Amino acid sequence: MVLTYPSTVSRNHGLWRRPVRRFAVVEDSMRPTLCPGDGLLAVRGGRPRRGQLRVFPDPTLPTRFLIKRVGAVRGRGRDAAFEALSDNPRAPGVVDSRRFGWVSAAGSYRVVWTVRGPRR
C-alpha cells in the first residue's frame, strides 16, 4: 500500500466528517480481488465486519500500510480488534494476522471504493 494524500469529502456525502484517503495497491497479497495498480478510497473508522476490506499501518513495518480482509472480529468501540487475512496467502512476502496477530480497529480505514488499474 502506498498512501498518496489525505482529503475530505463534501457535506452531501454523509461521510464528510471522516478523513478519506487514497491508497494504491503495490503487492499481490490480495489477488484476485485487488491487483498491483488498483486504487482504493478508504474512510477512517467504522466498525470492522467480517469480509470487509480494511487498510491499516503494518504492525511489522509502521511506515507502510496493508490492506487485508477482515476475518473474525472481537470487542466493540475503541476496544475492537480484527483478524487481518490475505486473499492470496502464498504470494511472496505476504504478512497478515498469521504472522503479527490481531489488529486494533482504531486507526484503520474501511475501503469504500476501488478503481481497477491496467491488467497485465
PDB file of N, CA and C in Angstrom:
ATOM      1  N   MET A   1       0.828  -1.176   0.000  1.00  0.00           N
ATOM      2  CA  MET A   1       0.000   0.000   0.000  1.00  0.00           C
ATOM      3  C   MET A   1       0.873   1.240   0.000  1.00  0.00           C
ATOM      4  N   VAL A   2       0.462   2.216  -0.727  1.00  0.00           N
ATOM      5  CA  VAL A   2       1.175   3.484  -0.755  1.00  0.00           C
ATOM      6  C   VAL A   2       0.150   4.581  -0.528  1.00  0.00           C
ATOM      7  N   LEU A   3       0.344   5.366   0.500  1.00  0.00           N
ATOM      8  CA  LEU A   3      -0.540   6.485   0.786  1.00  0.00           C
ATOM      9  C   LEU A   3      -0.208   7.619  -0.160  1.00  0.00           C
ATOM     10  N   THR A   4      -1.235   8.158  -0.829  1.00  0.00           N
ATOM     11  CA  THR A   4      -0.965   9.259  -1.736  1.00  0.00           C
ATOM     12  C   THR A   4      -1.229  10.603  -1.075  1.00  0.00           C
ATOM     13  N   TYR A   5      -2.410  10.812  -0.503  1.00  0.00           N
ATOM     14  CA  TYR A   5      -2.648  12.021   0.270  1.00  0.00           C
ATOM     15  C   TYR A   5      -3.996  11.927   0.975  1.00  0.00           C
ATOM     16  N   PRO A   6      -4.166  12.636   2.107  1.00  0.00           N
ATOM     17  CA  PRO A   6      -5.465  12.678   2.761  1.00  0.00           C
ATOM     18  C   PRO A   6      -6.328  13.785   2.166  1.00  0.00           C
ATOM     19  N   SER A   7      -7.621  13.624   2.237  1.00  0.00           N
ATOM     20  CA  SER A   7      -8.539  14.669   1.801  1.00  0.00           C
ATOM     21  C   SER A   7      -9.828  14.525   2.604  1.00  0.00           C
ATOM     22  N   THR A   8     -10.792  15.354   2.330  1.00  0.00           N
ATOM     23  CA  THR A   8     -12.085  15.245   2.990  1.00  0.00           C
ATOM     24  C   THR A   8     -13.173  15.148   1.934  1.00  0.00           C
ATOM     25  N   VAL A   9     -14.358  14.762   2.360  1.00  0.00           N
ATOM     26  CA  VAL A   9     -15.489  14.593   1.461  1.00  0.00           C
ATOM     27  C   VAL A   9     -16.461  15.734   1.715  1.00  0.00           C
ATOM     28  N   SER A  10     -17.137  16.197   0.667  1.00  0.00           N
ATOM     29  CA  SER A  10     -18.089  17.296   0.842  1.00  0.00           C
ATOM     30  C   SER A  10     -19.272  16.868   1.707  1.00  0.00           C
ATOM     31  N   ARG A  11     -20.001  17.838   2.243  1.00  0.00           N
ATOM     32  CA  ARG A  11     -21.077  17.586   3.201  1.00  0.00           C
ATOM     33  C   ARG A  11     -22.222  16.744   2.651  1.00  0.00           C
ATOM     34  N   ASN A  12     -22.432  16.681   1.364  1.00  0.00           N
ATOM     35  CA  ASN A  12     -23.575  15.954   0.826  1.00  0.00           C
ATOM     36  C   ASN A  12     -23.366  14.447   0.802  1.00  0.00           C
ATOM     37  N   HIS A  13     -22.270  13.947   1.333  1.00  0.00           N
ATOM     38  CA  HIS A  13     -21.984  12.525   1.293  1.00  0.00           C
ATOM     39  C   HIS A  13     -22.222  11.771   2.586  1.00  0.00           C
ATOM     40  N   GLY A  14     -22.512  12.365   3.688  1.00  0.00           N
ATOM     41  CA  GLY A  14     -22.702  11.647   4.935  1.00  0.00           C
ATOM     42  C   GLY A  14     -21.401  11.192   5.582  1.00  0.00           C
ATOM     43  N   LEU A  15     -20.313  11.202   4.854  1.00  0.00           N
ATOM     44  CA  LEU A  15     -19.003  10.828   5.386  1.00  0.00           C
ATOM     45  C   LEU A  15     -18.143  12.066   5.623  1.00  0.00           C
ATOM     46  N   TRP A  16     -18.735  13.228   5.492  1.00  0.00           N
ATOM     47  CA  TRP A  16     -17.959  14.465   5.435  1.00  0.00           C
ATOM     48  C   TRP A  16     -17.106  14.737   6.652  1.00  0.00           C
ATOM     49  N   ARG A  17     -17.399  14.179   7.796  1.00  0.00           N
ATOM     50  CA  ARG A  17     -16.574  14.427   8.974  1.00  0.00           C
ATOM     51  C   ARG A  17     -15.462  13.390   9.149  1.00  0.00           C
ATOM     52  N   ARG A  18     -15.432  12.396   8.322  1.00  0.00           N
ATOM     53  CA  ARG A  18     -14.419  11.353   8.447  1.00  0.00           C
ATOM     54  C   ARG A  18     -13.320  11.560   7.418  1.00  0.00           C
ATOM     55  N   PRO A  19     -12.074  11.447   7.839  1.00  0.00           N
ATOM     56  CA  PRO A  19     -10.989  11.578   6.867  1.00  0.00           C
ATOM     57  C   PRO A  19     -11.043  10.468   5.808  1.00  0.00           C
ATOM     58  N   VAL A  20     -10.835  10.857   4.589  1.00  0.00           N
ATOM     59  CA  VAL A  20     -10.819   9.929   3.462  1.00  0.00           C
ATOM     60  C   VAL A  20      -9.401   9.918   2.909  1.00  0.00           C
ATOM     61  N   ARG A  21      -8.910   8.742   2.564  1.00  0.00           N
ATOM     62  CA  ARG A  21      -7.567   8.640   1.982  1.00  0.00           C
ATOM     63  C   ARG A  21      -7.587   7.758   0.750  1.00  0.00           C
ATOM     64  N   ARG A  22      -6.670   8.078  -0.146  1.00  0.00           N
ATOM     65  CA  ARG A  22      -6.466   7.246  -1.332  1.00  0.00           C
ATOM     66  C   ARG A  22      -5.248   6.378  -1.089  1.00  0.00           C
ATOM     67  N   PHE A  23      -5.331   5.130  -1.536  1.00  0.00           N
ATOM     68  CA  PHE A  23      -4.218   4.196  -1.455  1.00  0.00           C
ATOM     69  C   PHE A  23      -4.052   3.530  -2.812  1.00  0.00           C
ATOM     70  N   ALA A  24      -2.854   3.030  -3.083  1.00  0.00           N
ATOM     71  CA  ALA A  24      -2.587   2.283  -4.305  1.00  0.00           C
ATOM     72  C   ALA A  24      -2.059   0.911  -3.929  1.00  0.00           C
ATOM     73  N   VAL A  25      -2.540  -0.115  -4.589  1.00  0.00           N
ATOM     74  CA  VAL A  25      -2.100  -1.482  -4.334  1.00  0.00           C
ATOM     75  C   VAL A  25      -0.764  -1.702  -5.044  1.00  0.00           C
ATOM     76  N   VAL A  26       0.221  -2.267  -4.309  1.00  0.00           N
ATOM     77  CA  VAL A  26       1.543  -2.486  -4.894  1.00  0.00           C
ATOM     78  C   VAL A  26       2.022  -3.923  -4.765  1.00  0.00           C
ATOM     79  N   GLU A  27       1.245  -4.800  -4.128  1.00  0.00           N
ATOM     80  CA  GLU A  27       1.661  -6.191  -3.932  1.00  0.00           C
ATOM     81  C   GLU A  27       0.548  -7.150  -4.336  1.00  0.00           C
ATOM     82  N   ASP A  28       0.865  -8.436  -4.363  1.00  0.00           N
ATOM     83  CA  ASP A  28      -0.071  -9.473  -4.799  1.00  0.00           C
ATOM     84  C   ASP A  28      -0.843 -10.156  -3.683  1.00  0.00           C
ATOM     85  N   SER A  29      -0.757  -9.696  -2.450  1.00  0.00           N
ATOM     86  CA  SER A  29      -1.353 -10.432  -1.332  1.00  0.00           C
ATOM     87  C   SER A  29      -2.880 -10.497  -1.360  1.00  0.00           C
ATOM     88  N   MET A  30      -3.531  -9.638  -2.134  1.00  0.00           N
ATOM     89  CA  MET A  30      -4.994  -9.649  -2.178  1.00  0.00           C
ATOM     90  C   MET A  30      -5.542 -10.094  -3.532  1.00  0.00           C
ATOM     91  N   ARG A  31      -4.689 -10.684  -4.384  1.00  0.00           N
ATOM     92  CA  ARG A  31      -5.175 -11.229  -5.657  1.00  0.00           C
ATOM     93  C   ARG A  31      -6.138 -12.366  -5.401  1.00  0.00           C
ATOM     94  N   PRO A  32      -7.174 -12.555  -6.139  1.00  0.00           N
ATOM     95  CA  PRO A  32      -7.576 -11.841  -7.354  1.00  0.00           C
ATOM     96  C   PRO A  32      -8.448 -10.615  -7.086  1.00  0.00           C
ATOM     97  N   THR A  33      -8.799 -10.355  -5.833  1.00  0.00           N
ATOM     98  CA  THR A  33      -9.669  -9.217  -5.523  1.00  0.00           C
ATOM     99  C   THR A  33      -9.032  -7.903  -5.922  1.00  0.00           C
ATOM    100  N   LEU A  34      -7.787  -7.685  -5.526  1.00  0.00           N
ATOM    101  CA  LEU A  34      -7.049  -6.463  -5.842  1.00  0.00           C
ATOM    102  C   LEU A  34      -5.707  -6.820  -6.433  1.00  0.00           C
ATOM    103  N   CYS A  35      -5.303  -6.072  -7.431  1.00  0.00           N
ATOM    104  CA  CYS A  35      -4.027  -6.320  -8.113  1.00  0.00           C
ATOM    105  C   CYS A  35      -3.164  -5.059  -8.060  1.00  0.00           C
ATOM    106  N   PRO A  36      -1.842  -5.215  -8.210  1.00  0.00           N
ATOM    107  CA  PRO A  36      -0.984  -4.035  -8.266  1.00  0.00           C
ATOM    108  C   PRO A  36      -1.485  -3.054  -9.325  1.00  0.00           C
ATOM    109  N   GLY A  37      -1.513  -1.784  -8.967  1.00  0.00           N
ATOM    110  CA  GLY A  37      -2.027  -0.755  -9.867  1.00  0.00           C
ATOM    111  C   GLY A  37      -3.450  -0.335  -9.548  1.00  0.00           C
ATOM    112  N   ASP A  38      -4.198  -1.145  -8.777  1.00  0.00           N
ATOM    113  CA  ASP A  38      -5.552  -0.763  -8.381  1.00  0.00           C
ATOM    114  C   ASP A  38      -5.487   0.363  -7.365  1.00  0.00           C
ATOM    115  N   GLY A  39      -6.486   1.220  -7.371  1.00  0.00           N
ATOM    116  CA  GLY A  39      -6.581   2.308  -6.412  1.00  0.00           C
ATOM    117  C   GLY A  39      -7.714   2.052  -5.434  1.00  0.00           C
ATOM    118  N   LEU A  40      -7.583   2.613  -4.239  1.00  0.00           N
ATOM    119  CA  LEU A  40      -8.597   2.453  -3.196  1.00  0.00           C
ATOM    120  C   LEU A  40      -8.934   3.807  -2.606  1.00  0.00           C
ATOM    121  N   LEU A  41     -10.192   3.966  -2.240  1.00  0.00           N
ATOM    122  CA  LEU A  41     -10.632   5.112  -1.472  1.00  0.00           C
ATOM    123  C   LEU A  41     -11.134   4.533  -0.154  1.00  0.00           C
ATOM    124  N   ALA A  42     -10.603   5.013   0.958  1.00  0.00           N
ATOM    125  CA  ALA A  42     -10.931   4.437   2.260  1.00  0.00           C
ATOM    126  C   ALA A  42     -11.285   5.525   3.265  1.00  0.00           C
ATOM    127  N   VAL A  43     -12.214   5.196   4.162  1.00  0.00           N
ATOM    128  CA  VAL A  43     -12.704   6.113   5.179  1.00  0.00           C
ATOM    129  C   VAL A  43     -12.216   5.631   6.534  1.00  0.00           C
ATOM    130  N   ARG A  44     -11.695   6.536   7.333  1.00  0.00           N
ATOM    131  CA  ARG A  44     -11.184   6.179   8.653  1.00  0.00           C
ATOM    132  C   ARG A  44     -12.325   5.821   9.598  1.00  0.00           C
ATOM    133  N   GLY A  45     -12.087   4.785  10.394  1.00  0.00           N
ATOM    134  CA  GLY A  45     -13.031   4.420  11.450  1.00  0.00           C
ATOM    135  C   GLY A  45     -14.097   3.448  10.990  1.00  0.00           C
ATOM    136  N   GLY A  46     -15.164   3.424  11.754  1.00  0.00           N
ATOM    137  CA  GLY A  46     -16.235   2.476  11.489  1.00  0.00           C
ATOM    138  C   GLY A  46     -15.944   1.141  12.148  1.00  0.00           C
ATOM    139  N   ARG A  47     -16.953   0.361  12.297  1.00  0.00           N
ATOM    140  CA  ARG A  47     -16.818  -0.939  12.940  1.00  0.00           C
ATOM    141  C   ARG A  47     -16.399  -1.993  11.921  1.00  0.00           C
ATOM    142  N   PRO A  48     -15.325  -2.733  12.193  1.00  0.00           N
ATOM    143  CA  PRO A  48     -14.930  -3.783  11.245  1.00  0.00           C
ATOM    144  C   PRO A  48     -15.975  -4.896  11.216  1.00  0.00           C
ATOM    145  N   ARG A  49     -16.224  -5.419  10.031  1.00  0.00           N
ATOM    146  CA  ARG A  49     -17.171  -6.519   9.846  1.00  0.00           C
ATOM    147  C   ARG A  49     -16.520  -7.600   9.015  1.00  0.00           C
ATOM    148  N   ARG A  50     -16.841  -8.816   9.321  1.00  0.00           N
ATOM    149  CA  ARG A  50     -16.278  -9.973   8.620  1.00  0.00           C
ATOM    150  C   ARG A  50     -16.451  -9.803   7.099  1.00  0.00           C
ATOM    151  N   GLY A  51     -15.376 -10.027   6.363  1.00  0.00           N
ATOM    152  CA  GLY A  51     -15.407  -9.935   4.907  1.00  0.00           C
ATOM    153  C   GLY A  51     -15.060  -8.557   4.355  1.00  0.00           C
ATOM    154  N   GLN A  52     -15.059  -7.534   5.196  1.00  0.00           N
ATOM    155  CA  GLN A  52     -14.744  -6.169   4.786  1.00  0.00           C
ATOM    156  C   GLN A  52     -13.265  -6.038   4.439  1.00  0.00           C
ATOM    157  N   LEU A  53     -12.935  -5.118   3.545  1.00  0.00           N
ATOM    158  CA  LEU A  53     -11.540  -4.786   3.273  1.00  0.00           C
ATOM    159  C   LEU A  53     -11.169  -3.594   4.149  1.00  0.00           C
ATOM    160  N   ARG A  54     -10.040  -3.701   4.857  1.00  0.00           N
ATOM    161  CA  ARG A  54      -9.568  -2.639   5.744  1.00  0.00           C
ATOM    162  C   ARG A  54      -8.113  -2.328   5.435  1.00  0.00           C
ATOM    163  N   VAL A  55      -7.734  -1.063   5.592  1.00  0.00           N
ATOM    164  CA  VAL A  55      -6.358  -0.599   5.429  1.00  0.00           C
ATOM    165  C   VAL A  55      -5.884  -0.130   6.801  1.00  0.00           C
ATOM    166  N   PHE A  56      -4.661  -0.503   7.161  1.00  0.00           N
ATOM    167  CA  PHE A  56      -4.126  -0.161   8.482  1.00  0.00           C
ATOM    168  C   PHE A  56      -2.609  -0.150   8.418  1.00  0.00           C
ATOM    169  N   PRO A  57      -1.956   0.541   9.373  1.00  0.00           N
ATOM    170  CA  PRO A  57      -0.487   0.540   9.394  1.00  0.00           C
ATOM    171  C   PRO A  57       0.032  -0.877   9.653  1.00  0.00           C
ATOM    172  N   ASP A  58       1.052  -1.267   8.924  1.00  0.00           N
ATOM    173  CA  ASP A  58       1.667  -2.586   9.074  1.00  0.00           C
ATOM    174  C   ASP A  58       2.315  -2.690  10.458  1.00  0.00           C
ATOM    175  N   PRO A  59       1.880  -3.643  11.301  1.00  0.00           N
ATOM    176  CA  PRO A  59       2.488  -3.787  12.627  1.00  0.00           C
ATOM    177  C   PRO A  59       3.970  -4.172  12.579  1.00  0.00           C
ATOM    178  N   THR A  60       4.439  -4.746  11.479  1.00  0.00           N
ATOM    179  CA  THR A  60       5.841  -5.146  11.371  1.00  0.00           C
ATOM    180  C   THR A  60       6.715  -4.067  10.739  1.00  0.00           C
ATOM    181  N   LEU A  61       6.087  -3.094  10.058  1.00  0.00           N
ATOM    182  CA  LEU A  61       6.812  -2.000   9.398  1.00  0.00           C
ATOM    183  C   LEU A  61       5.897  -0.780   9.345  1.00  0.00           C
ATOM    184  N   PRO A  62       5.844   0.020  10.415  1.00  0.00           N
ATOM    185  CA  PRO A  62       4.863   1.099  10.533  1.00  0.00           C
ATOM    186  C   PRO A  62       4.918   2.184   9.462  1.00  0.00           C
ATOM    187  N   THR A  63       5.931   2.187   8.608  1.00  0.00           N
ATOM    188  CA  THR A  63       5.999   3.206   7.563  1.00  0.00           C
ATOM    189  C   THR A  63       5.166   2.829   6.339  1.00  0.00           C
ATOM    190  N   ARG A  64       4.555   1.651   6.332  1.00  0.00           N
ATOM    191  CA  ARG A  64       3.703   1.270   5.206  1.00  0.00           C
ATOM    192  C   ARG A  64       2.334   0.829   5.709  1.00  0.00           C
ATOM    193  N   PHE A  65       1.374   0.798   4.795  1.00  0.00           N
ATOM    194  CA  PHE A  65       0.027   0.367   5.108  1.00  0.00           C
ATOM    195  C   PHE A  65      -0.239  -0.977   4.443  1.00  0.00           C
ATOM    196  N   LEU A  66      -1.116  -1.769   5.053  1.00  0.00           N
ATOM    197  CA  LEU A  66      -1.546  -3.040   4.490  1.00  0.00           C
ATOM    198  C   LEU A  66      -3.036  -2.987   4.212  1.00  0.00           C
ATOM    199  N   ILE A  67      -3.467  -3.727   3.216  1.00  0.00           N
ATOM    200  CA  ILE A  67      -4.892  -3.941   3.014  1.00  0.00           C
ATOM    201  C   ILE A  67      -5.142  -5.427   3.193  1.00  0.00           C
ATOM    202  N   LYS A  68      -6.139  -5.738   4.001  1.00  0.00           N
ATOM    203  CA  LYS A  68      -6.477  -7.136   4.276  1.00  0.00           C
ATOM    204  C   LYS A  68      -7.979  -7.274   4.423  1.00  0.00           C
ATOM    205  N   ARG A  69      -8.437  -8.511   4.320  1.00  0.00           N
ATOM    206  CA  ARG A  69      -9.842  -8.830   4.532  1.00  0.00           C
ATOM    207  C   ARG A  69     -10.051  -9.149   6.005  1.00  0.00           C
ATOM    208  N   VAL A  70     -11.127  -8.647   6.576  1.00  0.00           N
ATOM    209  CA  VAL A  70     -11.442  -8.904   7.980  1.00  0.00           C
ATOM    210  C   VAL A  70     -11.940 -10.334   8.123  1.00  0.00           C
ATOM    211  N   GLY A  71     -11.292 -11.066   9.037  1.00  0.00           N
ATOM    212  CA  GLY A  71     -11.759 -12.406   9.397  1.00  0.00           C
ATOM    213  C   GLY A  71     -12.688 -12.258  10.590  1.00  0.00           C
ATOM    214  N   ALA A  72     -12.313 -12.803  11.695  1.00  0.00           N
ATOM    215  CA  ALA A  72     -13.106 -12.682  12.918  1.00  0.00           C
ATOM    216  C   ALA A  72     -12.926 -11.296  13.531  1.00  0.00           C
ATOM    217  N   VAL A  73     -13.921 -10.872  14.297  1.00  0.00           N
ATOM    218  CA  VAL A  73     -13.888  -9.580  14.997  1.00  0.00           C
ATOM    219  C   VAL A  73     -14.200  -9.846  16.464  1.00  0.00           C
ATOM    220  N   ARG A  74     -13.491  -9.140  17.339  1.00  0.00           N
ATOM    221  CA  ARG A  74     -13.811  -9.242  18.768  1.00  0.00           C
ATOM    222  C   ARG A  74     -13.779  -7.852  19.393  1.00  0.00           C
ATOM    223  N   GLY A  75     -14.603  -7.660  20.416  1.00  0.00           N
ATOM    224  CA  GLY A  75     -14.681  -6.371  21.091  1.00  0.00           C
ATOM    225  C   GLY A  75     -15.561  -5.394  20.341  1.00  0.00           C
ATOM    226  N   ARG A  76     -15.795  -4.242  20.979  1.00  0.00           N
ATOM    227  CA  ARG A  76     -16.617  -3.194  20.388  1.00  0.00           C
ATOM    228  C   ARG A  76     -15.973  -1.836  20.647  1.00  0.00           C
ATOM    229  N   GLY A  77     -16.369  -0.862  19.869  1.00  0.00           N
ATOM    230  CA  GLY A  77     -15.882   0.507  20.064  1.00  0.00           C
ATOM    231  C   GLY A  77     -14.373   0.598  19.959  1.00  0.00           C
ATOM    232  N   ARG A  78     -13.766   1.338  20.870  1.00  0.00           N
ATOM    233  CA  ARG A  78     -12.306   1.543  20.846  1.00  0.00           C
ATOM    234  C   ARG A  78     -11.533   0.265  21.131  1.00  0.00           C
ATOM    235  N   ASP A  79     -12.181  -0.716  21.748  1.00  0.00           N
ATOM    236  CA  ASP A  79     -11.510  -1.975  22.073  1.00  0.00           C
ATOM    237  C   ASP A  79     -11.613  -3.020  20.964  1.00  0.00           C
ATOM    238  N   ALA A  80     -12.273  -2.701  19.856  1.00  0.00           N
ATOM    239  CA  ALA A  80     -12.456  -3.675  18.780  1.00  0.00           C
ATOM    240  C   ALA A  80     -11.117  -4.048  18.148  1.00  0.00           C
ATOM    241  N   ALA A  81     -11.013  -5.306  17.778  1.00  0.00           N
ATOM    242  CA  ALA A  81      -9.831  -5.814  17.065  1.00  0.00           C
ATOM    243  C   ALA A  81     -10.327  -6.808  16.031  1.00  0.00           C
ATOM    244  N   PHE A  82      -9.536  -6.995  14.982  1.00  0.00           N
ATOM    245  CA  PHE A  82      -9.941  -7.937  13.947  1.00  0.00           C
ATOM    246  C   PHE A  82      -8.757  -8.757  13.465  1.00  0.00           C
ATOM    247  N   GLU A  83      -9.091  -9.902  12.901  1.00  0.00           N
ATOM    248  CA  GLU A  83      -8.114 -10.779  12.276  1.00  0.00           C
ATOM    249  C   GLU A  83      -7.954 -10.292  10.837  1.00  0.00           C
ATOM    250  N   ALA A  84      -6.742  -9.974  10.418  1.00  0.00           N
ATOM    251  CA  ALA A  84      -6.457  -9.443   9.086  1.00  0.00           C
ATOM    252  C   ALA A  84      -5.904 -10.560   8.209  1.00  0.00           C
ATOM    253  N   LEU A  85      -6.656 -10.927   7.157  1.00  0.00           N
ATOM    254  CA  LEU A  85      -6.288 -12.071   6.324  1.00  0.00           C
ATOM    255  C   LEU A  85      -6.040 -11.671   4.878  1.00  0.00           C
ATOM    256  N   SER A  86      -5.036 -12.280   4.272  1.00  0.00           N
ATOM    257  CA  SER A  86      -4.741 -12.084   2.851  1.00  0.00           C
ATOM    258  C   SER A  86      -5.626 -13.004   2.028  1.00  0.00           C
ATOM    259  N   ASP A  87      -6.068 -12.529   0.859  1.00  0.00           N
ATOM    260  CA  ASP A  87      -6.806 -13.390  -0.066  1.00  0.00           C
ATOM    261  C   ASP A  87      -5.861 -14.366  -0.760  1.00  0.00           C
ATOM    262  N   ASN A  88      -4.578 -14.012  -0.838  1.00  0.00           N
ATOM    263  CA  ASN A  88      -3.573 -14.815  -1.532  1.00  0.00           C
ATOM    264  C   ASN A  88      -2.407 -15.073  -0.567  1.00  0.00           C
ATOM    265  N   PRO A  89      -2.602 -15.935   0.444  1.00  0.00           N
ATOM    266  CA  PRO A  89      -1.579 -16.103   1.482  1.00  0.00           C
ATOM    267  C   PRO A  89      -0.264 -16.704   1.000  1.00  0.00           C
ATOM    268  N   ARG A  90      -0.228 -17.273  -0.198  1.00  0.00           N
ATOM    269  CA  ARG A  90       1.014 -17.884  -0.704  1.00  0.00           C
ATOM    270  C   ARG A  90       1.847 -16.941  -1.566  1.00  0.00           C
ATOM    271  N   ALA A  91       1.398 -15.715  -1.727  1.00  0.00           N
ATOM    272  CA  ALA A  91       2.174 -14.738  -2.510  1.00  0.00           C
ATOM    273  C   ALA A  91       3.478 -14.426  -1.783  1.00  0.00           C
ATOM    274  N   PRO A  92       4.534 -14.113  -2.523  1.00  0.00           N
ATOM    275  CA  PRO A  92       5.815 -13.797  -1.884  1.00  0.00           C
ATOM    276  C   PRO A  92       5.714 -12.593  -0.953  1.00  0.00           C
ATOM    277  N   GLY A  93       6.308 -12.714   0.224  1.00  0.00           N
ATOM    278  CA  GLY A  93       6.377 -11.608   1.169  1.00  0.00           C
ATOM    279  C   GLY A  93       5.095 -11.264   1.899  1.00  0.00           C
ATOM    280  N   VAL A  94       4.088 -12.122   1.843  1.00  0.00           N
ATOM    281  CA  VAL A  94       2.806 -11.826   2.486  1.00  0.00           C
ATOM    282  C   VAL A  94       2.942 -11.827   4.005  1.00  0.00           C
ATOM    283  N   VAL A  95       2.375 -10.800   4.627  1.00  0.00           N
ATOM    284  CA  VAL A  95       2.257 -10.752   6.087  1.00  0.00           C
ATOM    285  C   VAL A  95       0.795 -10.469   6.416  1.00  0.00           C
ATOM    286  N   ASP A  96       0.259 -11.181   7.375  1.00  0.00           N
ATOM    287  CA  ASP A  96      -1.093 -10.933   7.854  1.00  0.00           C
ATOM    288  C   ASP A  96      -1.188 -11.409   9.296  1.00  0.00           C
ATOM    289  N   SER A  97      -2.384 -11.571   9.817  1.00  0.00           N
ATOM    290  CA  SER A  97      -2.557 -11.929  11.230  1.00  0.00           C
ATOM    291  C   SER A  97      -1.919 -13.259  11.596  1.00  0.00           C
ATOM    292  N   ARG A  98      -1.679 -14.110  10.635  1.00  0.00           N
ATOM    293  CA  ARG A  98      -0.977 -15.367  10.928  1.00  0.00           C
ATOM    294  C   ARG A  98       0.445 -15.106  11.387  1.00  0.00           C
ATOM    295  N   ARG A  99       0.957 -13.922  11.040  1.00  0.00           N
ATOM    296  CA  ARG A  99       2.317 -13.543  11.444  1.00  0.00           C
ATOM    297  C   ARG A  99       2.336 -12.553  12.610  1.00  0.00           C
ATOM    298  N   PHE A 100       1.461 -11.539  12.574  1.00  0.00           N
ATOM    299  CA  PHE A 100       1.536 -10.490  13.593  1.00  0.00           C
ATOM    300  C   PHE A 100       0.346 -10.439  14.545  1.00  0.00           C
ATOM    301  N   GLY A 101      -0.601 -11.338  14.435  1.00  0.00           N
ATOM    302  CA  GLY A 101      -1.727 -11.374  15.365  1.00  0.00           C
ATOM    303  C   GLY A 101      -2.859 -10.430  14.980  1.00  0.00           C
ATOM    304  N   TRP A 102      -3.746 -10.192  15.910  1.00  0.00           N
ATOM    305  CA  TRP A 102      -4.930  -9.368  15.683  1.00  0.00           C
ATOM    306  C   TRP A 102      -4.550  -7.898  15.585  1.00  0.00           C
ATOM    307  N   VAL A 103      -5.398  -7.132  14.896  1.00  0.00           N
ATOM    308  CA  VAL A 103      -5.143  -5.714  14.637  1.00  0.00           C
ATOM    309  C   VAL A 103      -6.214  -4.875  15.334  1.00  0.00           C
ATOM    310  N   SER A 104      -5.808  -3.806  15.985  1.00  0.00           N
ATOM    311  CA  SER A 104      -6.760  -2.879  16.593  1.00  0.00           C
ATOM    312  C   SER A 104      -7.509  -2.142  15.490  1.00  0.00           C
ATOM    313  N   ALA A 105      -8.814  -2.016  15.667  1.00  0.00           N
ATOM    314  CA  ALA A 105      -9.621  -1.296  14.677  1.00  0.00           C
ATOM    315  C   ALA A 105      -9.352   0.206  14.720  1.00  0.00           C
ATOM    316  N   ALA A 106      -8.881   0.709  15.868  1.00  0.00           N
ATOM    317  CA  ALA A 106      -8.572   2.136  15.991  1.00  0.00           C
ATOM    318  C   ALA A 106      -7.472   2.498  15.005  1.00  0.00           C
ATOM    319  N   GLY A 107      -7.700   3.518  14.213  1.00  0.00           N
ATOM    320  CA  GLY A 107      -6.701   3.952  13.243  1.00  0.00           C
ATOM    321  C   GLY A 107      -6.753   3.232  11.910  1.00  0.00           C
ATOM    322  N   SER A 108      -7.705   2.306  11.745  1.00  0.00           N
ATOM    323  CA  SER A 108      -7.817   1.605  10.464  1.00  0.00           C
ATOM    324  C   SER A 108      -8.836   2.314   9.567  1.00  0.00           C
ATOM    325  N   TYR A 109      -8.796   1.985   8.288  1.00  0.00           N
ATOM    326  CA  TYR A 109      -9.670   2.587   7.288  1.00  0.00           C
ATOM    327  C   TYR A 109     -10.505   1.503   6.621  1.00  0.00           C
ATOM    328  N   ARG A 110     -11.768   1.804   6.350  1.00  0.00           N
ATOM    329  CA  ARG A 110     -12.663   0.894   5.642  1.00  0.00           C
ATOM    330  C   ARG A 110     -12.650   1.266   4.163  1.00  0.00           C
ATOM    331  N   VAL A 111     -12.387   0.301   3.299  1.00  0.00           N
ATOM    332  CA  VAL A 111     -12.373   0.556   1.858  1.00  0.00           C
ATOM    333  C   VAL A 111     -13.806   0.750   1.387  1.00  0.00           C
ATOM    334  N   VAL A 112     -14.065   1.882   0.722  1.00  0.00           N
ATOM    335  CA  VAL A 112     -15.412   2.169   0.227  1.00  0.00           C
ATOM    336  C   VAL A 112     -15.484   2.194  -1.300  1.00  0.00           C
ATOM    337  N   TRP A 113     -14.341   2.229  -1.971  1.00  0.00           N
ATOM    338  CA  TRP A 113     -14.349   2.307  -3.436  1.00  0.00           C
ATOM    339  C   TRP A 113     -13.035   1.753  -3.962  1.00  0.00           C
ATOM    340  N   THR A 114     -13.113   0.984  -5.034  1.00  0.00           N
ATOM    341  CA  THR A 114     -11.899   0.516  -5.696  1.00  0.00           C
ATOM    342  C   THR A 114     -11.928   0.931  -7.162  1.00  0.00           C
ATOM    343  N   VAL A 115     -10.759   1.216  -7.687  1.00  0.00           N
ATOM    344  CA  VAL A 115     -10.601   1.580  -9.095  1.00  0.00           C
ATOM    345  C   VAL A 115      -9.600   0.611  -9.697  1.00  0.00           C
ATOM    346  N   ARG A 116     -10.004  -0.099 -10.706  1.00  0.00           N
ATOM    347  CA  ARG A 116      -9.137  -1.082 -11.344  1.00  0.00           C
ATOM    348  C   ARG A 116      -8.044  -0.401 -12.156  1.00  0.00           C
ATOM    349  N   GLY A 117      -6.824  -0.861 -11.941  1.00  0.00           N
ATOM    350  CA  GLY A 117      -5.698  -0.379 -12.722  1.00  0.00           C
ATOM    351  C   GLY A 117      -5.567  -1.215 -13.983  1.00  0.00           C
ATOM    352  N   PRO A 118      -4.581  -0.932 -14.798  1.00  0.00           N
ATOM    353  CA  PRO A 118      -4.370  -1.724 -16.018  1.00  0.00           C
ATOM    354  C   PRO A 118      -4.015  -3.162 -15.673  1.00  0.00           C
ATOM    355  N   ARG A 119      -4.604  -4.105 -16.355  1.00  0.00           N
ATOM    356  CA  ARG A 119      -4.341  -5.534 -16.131  1.00  0.00           C
ATOM    357  C   ARG A 119      -3.278  -6.008 -17.089  1.00  0.00           C
ATOM    358  N   ARG A 120      -2.384  -6.839 -16.559  1.00  0.00           N
ATOM    359  CA  ARG A 120      -1.293  -7.375 -17.386  1.00  0.00           C
ATOM    360  C   ARG A 120      -1.510  -8.834 -17.608  1.00  0.00           C
TER     361      ARG A 120
END
